[in-house]
Amino acid sequence: MEPAKARIRRGIVDRFRLGLALLLDAVGLLRAQASLWPLAVVPVGLALVCVGTSLGLFGSHVAEIHAAIAGWLPSLEASAWWSWLWVGPGRLLLWLVGWLGVVAVLALALVVALLLANLLAAPFLDRLSQRVEEIVLERPAAGAQDWPSMLRETMRSFLAELGRVAFLGSLFLVLTAAGFLLPGAHLITGPLLVVSTVLFLPLDYAGFALDRRGVSFARRRRWVTSDLPTMSGFGGLAFLVCLVPGLNLLMLPVLVTAGTLLVLRAGPDEDEGDAGAGSQGSAPDASRATAR
């Protein structure tokens, strides 16, 4: 694997371009390797099912949702003709607030659906990441061979993804609460939410490859902060992709593939610690992956 000092010597622009190129390389790899397609299709299918179910349930209950939100809003009545001067605009404002609440519920439902899809797809994405590593390094990756071991690997990938989702959710709740409760804090928490998401996405999509290496969370944080240009390039492009409805569902396997390539090309140095780390991917192998 490329040493940290060598990565530091590379220019900031080169490292940023490396992060951007990961997604294009991942698309090319998935197109060229038909053996990866079944593992890539299953997460997309799960995401479509979860989002479709969420939209269907929302559409069938949108009237009840709007009525429930409107029930929490004050009711303005006109006691005289001249009171319509403020009652009319007030009712219009409350009507807009009510439908904005409906949109917020829809957004929350879609977020929950995507998180559920990610959790259900975690074992398939973990296997996809493992197969990508086998293809790039041109050797079998160490993995489970019998059913008990495969079940343990499935639970490991599921719990690891649950931990990453919980961490990001907690961070969002803290920053959002601070933005609402502290006057003027939204001017800071808003950009912080974007920056934290951009830097979290490399950790999330590279998480399967890092989990197999036993990389601790503290060491992952040091890895991200030690190579901010690469992480910003990859995380920034992934963030923009995730903002596009529909495309974010189709690109999930691509992002996990790109995260695996990120670990193979510029992963944490093996000499930094972590017992059991570096069990997969020697320095020469990773160097070959970097050159591809």
Protein backbone atom coordinates (compact mmCIF):
# COMPACT_ATOMS: atom_id res chain seq x y z
CA MET A 1 0.00 0.00 0.00
CA GLU A 2 1.22 3.48 -0.78
CA PRO A 3 2.93 4.92 2.35
CA ALA A 4 1.43 8.00 3.98
CA LYS A 5 4.60 10.05 3.38
CA ALA A 6 4.50 9.24 -0.33
CA ARG A 7 0.86 10.32 -0.49
CA ILE A 8 1.70 13.58 1.27
CA ARG A 9 4.41 14.31 -1.31
CA ARG A 10 1.87 14.00 -4.10
CA GLY A 11 0.19 17.25 -5.02
CA ILE A 12 -3.14 18.25 -3.52
CA VAL A 13 -4.70 18.51 -6.97
CA ASP A 14 -3.45 15.03 -7.93
CA ARG A 15 -4.91 13.51 -4.77
CA PHE A 16 -8.21 15.33 -5.30
CA ARG A 17 -8.36 14.01 -8.87
CA LEU A 18 -7.62 10.52 -7.55
CA GLY A 19 -10.70 10.78 -5.35
CA LEU A 20 -12.84 11.97 -8.25
CA ALA A 21 -11.57 9.23 -10.59
CA LEU A 22 -12.58 6.43 -8.23
CA LEU A 23 -16.23 6.53 -9.30
CA LEU A 24 -15.37 6.39 -13.01
CA ASP A 25 -12.98 3.51 -12.38
CA ALA A 26 -15.68 1.71 -10.38
CA VAL A 27 -18.18 2.10 -13.24
CA GLY A 28 -15.61 0.73 -15.69
CA LEU A 29 -14.84 -2.24 -13.45
CA LEU A 30 -18.51 -3.13 -12.99
CA ARG A 31 -19.14 -2.87 -16.73
CA ALA A 32 -16.17 -5.11 -17.52
CA GLN A 33 -16.80 -7.80 -14.89
CA ALA A 34 -20.10 -9.60 -15.47
CA SER A 35 -19.49 -11.72 -12.36
CA LEU A 36 -20.13 -8.61 -10.24
CA TRP A 37 -23.53 -7.85 -11.75
CA PRO A 38 -25.66 -10.16 -9.55
CA LEU A 39 -24.09 -8.72 -6.41
CA ALA A 40 -24.68 -5.19 -7.76
CA VAL A 41 -28.29 -5.80 -8.82
CA VAL A 42 -29.52 -7.09 -5.45
CA PRO A 43 -28.79 -3.87 -3.47
CA VAL A 44 -30.40 -1.77 -6.22
CA GLY A 45 -33.45 -4.03 -6.19
CA LEU A 46 -33.74 -3.82 -2.39
CA ALA A 47 -33.47 -0.02 -2.54
CA LEU A 48 -36.18 0.18 -5.21
CA VAL A 49 -38.49 -2.08 -3.20
CA CYS A 50 -37.96 -0.13 0.03
CA VAL A 51 -38.41 3.27 -1.61
CA GLY A 52 -41.40 2.08 -3.66
CA THR A 53 -43.06 0.68 -0.54
CA SER A 54 -42.39 3.89 1.35
CA LEU A 55 -43.86 6.03 -1.44
CA GLY A 56 -46.88 3.75 -1.70
CA LEU A 57 -47.61 3.93 2.01
CA PHE A 58 -47.12 7.68 2.02
CA GLY A 59 -49.39 8.20 -0.98
CA SER A 60 -52.18 6.13 0.57
CA HIS A 61 -52.04 8.09 3.84
CA VAL A 62 -51.13 11.60 2.66
CA ALA A 63 -54.57 12.97 3.59
CA GLU A 64 -54.31 11.58 7.13
CA ILE A 65 -50.76 12.91 7.47
CA HIS A 66 -51.85 16.40 6.39
CA ALA A 67 -54.84 16.30 8.77
CA ALA A 68 -52.61 15.24 11.66
CA ILE A 69 -50.15 18.07 10.98
CA ALA A 70 -52.97 20.60 10.55
CA GLY A 71 -54.38 19.48 13.91
CA TRP A 72 -51.21 20.71 15.60
CA LEU A 73 -51.47 24.15 13.97
CA PRO A 74 -53.57 27.00 15.42
CA SER A 75 -56.92 27.83 13.84
CA LEU A 76 -57.48 31.46 12.86
CA GLU A 77 -61.02 32.84 12.81
CA ALA A 78 -62.19 36.26 11.59
CA SER A 79 -64.28 38.11 14.20
CA ALA A 80 -64.96 41.10 11.90
CA TRP A 81 -64.51 41.94 8.24
CA TRP A 82 -61.41 43.99 8.87
CA SER A 83 -59.73 41.08 10.75
CA TRP A 84 -59.39 39.33 7.40
CA LEU A 85 -56.46 41.67 6.80
CA TRP A 86 -54.36 39.42 9.00
CA VAL A 87 -56.49 36.24 9.20
CA GLY A 88 -56.30 35.72 5.42
CA PRO A 89 -52.48 35.86 5.17
CA GLY A 90 -52.25 33.90 8.42
CA ARG A 91 -54.39 31.06 7.04
CA LEU A 92 -52.33 31.01 3.85
CA LEU A 93 -49.15 30.81 5.91
CA LEU A 94 -50.54 27.97 8.03
CA TRP A 95 -51.64 26.14 4.88
CA LEU A 96 -48.11 26.39 3.52
CA VAL A 97 -46.66 25.25 6.84
CA GLY A 98 -48.98 22.25 6.83
CA TRP A 99 -47.89 21.10 3.38
CA LEU A 100 -44.25 21.79 4.19
CA GLY A 101 -44.74 19.41 7.11
CA VAL A 102 -46.10 16.82 4.67
CA VAL A 103 -43.02 17.24 2.49
CA ALA A 104 -40.82 16.85 5.57
CA VAL A 105 -42.60 13.59 6.45
CA LEU A 106 -42.05 12.39 2.88
CA ALA A 107 -38.36 13.22 3.09
CA LEU A 108 -38.10 11.40 6.42
CA ALA A 109 -39.90 8.36 4.99
CA LEU A 110 -37.47 8.23 2.05
CA VAL A 111 -34.46 8.54 4.37
CA VAL A 112 -35.75 5.69 6.54
CA ALA A 113 -36.40 3.59 3.43
CA LEU A 114 -32.86 4.18 2.12
CA LEU A 115 -31.32 3.39 5.51
CA LEU A 116 -33.34 0.18 5.71
CA ALA A 117 -32.27 -0.73 2.17
CA ASN A 118 -28.63 -0.13 3.07
CA LEU A 119 -28.92 -2.38 6.10
CA LEU A 120 -30.63 -5.19 4.18
CA ALA A 121 -28.12 -4.90 1.33
CA ALA A 122 -25.07 -4.83 3.63
CA PRO A 123 -24.19 -8.56 3.25
CA PHE A 124 -24.43 -8.33 -0.56
CA LEU A 125 -22.38 -5.13 -0.65
CA ASP A 126 -19.79 -6.74 1.61
CA ARG A 127 -19.51 -9.66 -0.80
CA LEU A 128 -19.35 -7.25 -3.74
CA SER A 129 -16.47 -5.41 -2.07
CA GLN A 130 -14.70 -8.72 -1.44
CA ARG A 131 -15.10 -9.81 -5.09
CA VAL A 132 -13.81 -6.43 -6.31
CA GLU A 133 -10.73 -6.93 -4.16
CA GLU A 134 -10.19 -10.43 -5.53
CA ILE A 135 -10.44 -9.20 -9.12
CA VAL A 136 -8.15 -6.18 -8.66
CA LEU A 137 -5.50 -8.04 -6.64
CA GLU A 138 -5.85 -11.18 -8.83
CA ARG A 139 -5.98 -13.54 -5.89
CA PRO A 140 -8.68 -15.03 -3.67
CA ALA A 141 -9.59 -12.90 -0.69
CA ALA A 142 -9.69 -14.53 2.71
CA GLY A 143 -13.32 -15.12 3.58
CA ALA A 144 -15.89 -17.49 4.97
CA GLN A 145 -16.22 -20.85 3.22
CA ASP A 146 -18.77 -22.80 5.34
CA TRP A 147 -22.31 -21.80 6.28
CA PRO A 148 -21.61 -20.93 9.97
CA SER A 149 -18.74 -18.68 8.92
CA MET A 150 -20.82 -17.10 6.18
CA LEU A 151 -23.59 -16.41 8.69
CA ARG A 152 -21.09 -14.77 11.03
CA GLU A 153 -19.77 -12.67 8.13
CA THR A 154 -23.33 -11.63 7.27
CA MET A 155 -24.04 -10.54 10.84
CA ARG A 156 -20.69 -8.73 11.01
CA SER A 157 -21.39 -6.71 7.87
CA PHE A 158 -24.95 -5.96 9.03
CA LEU A 159 -23.84 -4.77 12.49
CA ALA A 160 -20.96 -2.75 11.05
CA GLU A 161 -23.31 -0.94 8.65
CA LEU A 162 -25.78 -0.38 11.50
CA GLY A 163 -23.00 1.21 13.54
CA ARG A 164 -22.05 3.55 10.70
CA VAL A 165 -25.68 4.56 10.16
CA ALA A 166 -26.13 5.15 13.90
CA PHE A 167 -22.99 7.30 14.04
CA LEU A 168 -24.05 9.50 11.13
CA GLY A 169 -27.61 9.73 12.47
CA SER A 170 -26.35 10.82 15.89
CA LEU A 171 -24.12 13.45 14.32
CA PHE A 172 -27.02 14.79 12.26
CA LEU A 173 -29.29 14.95 15.33
CA VAL A 174 -26.71 16.83 17.40
CA LEU A 175 -25.93 19.40 14.70
CA THR A 176 -29.60 19.84 13.74
CA ALA A 177 -30.65 20.30 17.36
CA ALA A 178 -27.87 22.84 17.88
CA GLY A 179 -29.01 24.72 14.77
CA PHE A 180 -32.57 24.97 16.07
CA LEU A 181 -31.84 25.65 19.74
CA LEU A 182 -28.89 28.07 19.54
CA PRO A 183 -29.53 31.46 17.91
CA GLY A 184 -27.44 31.89 14.80
CA ALA A 185 -25.95 28.39 15.12
CA HIS A 186 -27.55 27.29 11.84
CA LEU A 187 -25.00 29.47 10.03
CA ILE A 188 -22.34 27.07 11.30
CA THR A 189 -24.19 23.77 11.69
CA GLY A 190 -25.48 23.84 8.09
CA PRO A 191 -22.01 23.87 6.49
CA LEU A 192 -20.78 21.46 9.17
CA LEU A 193 -23.48 18.97 8.17
CA VAL A 194 -22.32 19.12 4.56
CA VAL A 195 -18.62 18.83 5.43
CA SER A 196 -19.17 16.00 7.91
CA THR A 197 -21.26 14.10 5.35
CA VAL A 198 -18.64 14.55 2.62
CA LEU A 199 -15.92 13.19 4.93
CA PHE A 200 -18.14 10.41 6.29
CA LEU A 201 -19.05 8.96 2.89
CA PRO A 202 -15.52 7.60 2.22
CA LEU A 203 -15.65 5.89 5.62
CA ASP A 204 -19.06 4.45 4.85
CA TYR A 205 -18.43 3.13 1.34
CA ALA A 206 -14.91 1.94 2.20
CA GLY A 207 -16.21 0.45 5.44
CA PHE A 208 -16.59 -3.11 4.14
CA ALA A 209 -12.96 -3.30 3.00
CA LEU A 210 -11.79 -1.66 6.23
CA ASP A 211 -13.89 -4.04 8.33
CA ARG A 212 -12.20 -7.05 6.75
CA ARG A 213 -8.84 -5.56 7.74
CA GLY A 214 -9.92 -4.96 11.32
CA VAL A 215 -9.20 -1.22 11.12
CA SER A 216 -10.34 0.55 14.27
CA PHE A 217 -12.57 3.60 14.16
CA ALA A 218 -9.83 5.84 15.58
CA ARG A 219 -7.44 4.71 12.87
CA ARG A 220 -10.12 5.34 10.22
CA ARG A 221 -10.50 8.92 11.45
CA ARG A 222 -6.74 9.43 11.20
CA TRP A 223 -6.82 7.98 7.69
CA VAL A 224 -9.48 10.44 6.56
CA THR A 225 -7.82 13.50 8.10
CA SER A 226 -4.36 12.50 6.79
CA ASP A 227 -5.53 12.55 3.16
CA LEU A 228 -8.24 15.22 2.99
CA PRO A 229 -7.84 16.03 -0.75
CA THR A 230 -8.53 12.42 -1.80
CA MET A 231 -11.37 12.04 0.70
CA SER A 232 -12.89 15.37 -0.33
CA GLY A 233 -12.76 14.43 -4.02
CA PHE A 234 -14.42 11.06 -3.50
CA GLY A 235 -16.80 12.19 -0.75
CA GLY A 236 -17.79 15.38 -2.58
CA LEU A 237 -18.68 13.57 -5.80
CA ALA A 238 -20.50 10.84 -3.85
CA PHE A 239 -22.44 13.55 -1.98
CA LEU A 240 -23.59 15.12 -5.26
CA VAL A 241 -24.61 11.71 -6.61
CA CYS A 242 -26.64 10.99 -3.47
CA LEU A 243 -28.56 14.26 -3.93
CA VAL A 244 -30.01 13.14 -7.29
CA PRO A 245 -33.26 11.17 -6.79
CA GLY A 246 -33.15 7.80 -8.51
CA LEU A 247 -29.47 8.04 -9.34
CA ASN A 248 -28.59 7.56 -5.67
CA LEU A 249 -30.32 4.15 -5.79
CA LEU A 250 -28.56 2.98 -8.95
CA MET A 251 -25.13 4.18 -7.81
CA LEU A 252 -25.00 2.32 -4.48
CA PRO A 253 -22.97 -0.64 -5.83
CA VAL A 254 -20.73 1.79 -7.76
CA LEU A 255 -20.00 3.76 -4.58
CA VAL A 256 -19.12 0.61 -2.62
CA THR A 257 -16.87 -0.52 -5.46
CA ALA A 258 -15.21 2.90 -5.49
CA GLY A 259 -14.76 2.74 -1.72
CA THR A 260 -13.02 -0.60 -2.06
CA LEU A 261 -10.71 0.82 -4.74
CA LEU A 262 -9.99 3.72 -2.38
CA VAL A 263 -8.74 1.30 0.26
CA LEU A 264 -6.65 -0.64 -2.25
CA ARG A 265 -5.04 2.49 -3.71
CA ALA A 266 -4.69 4.79 -0.72
CA GLY A 267 -5.77 2.86 2.35
CA PRO A 268 -4.43 3.16 5.91
CA ASP A 269 -0.79 2.25 6.31
CA GLU A 270 -0.34 -1.28 7.59
CA ASP A 271 2.38 -0.24 10.02
CA GLU A 272 0.10 2.07 12.00
CA GLY A 273 -1.19 -0.59 14.39
CA ASP A 274 -4.47 -2.46 14.84
CA ALA A 275 -4.06 -6.08 15.66
CA GLY A 276 -5.25 -8.23 12.84
CA ALA A 277 -5.12 -5.41 10.35
CA GLY A 278 -3.67 -5.91 6.94
CA SER A 279 -4.68 -9.56 6.80
CA GLN A 280 -5.73 -8.92 3.22
CA GLY A 281 -3.74 -6.99 0.69
CA SER A 282 0.03 -6.88 0.88
CA ALA A 283 2.08 -3.90 -0.18
CA PRO A 284 3.01 -5.30 -3.58
CA ASP A 285 -0.60 -6.24 -4.32
CA ALA A 286 -1.86 -2.82 -3.39
CA SER A 287 0.82 -1.25 -5.50
CA ARG A 288 -0.47 -3.22 -8.47
CA ALA A 289 -3.97 -1.99 -7.71
CA THR A 290 -2.73 1.59 -7.62
CA ALA A 291 -1.07 1.24 -10.99
CA ARG A 292 -4.23 -0.04 -12.69
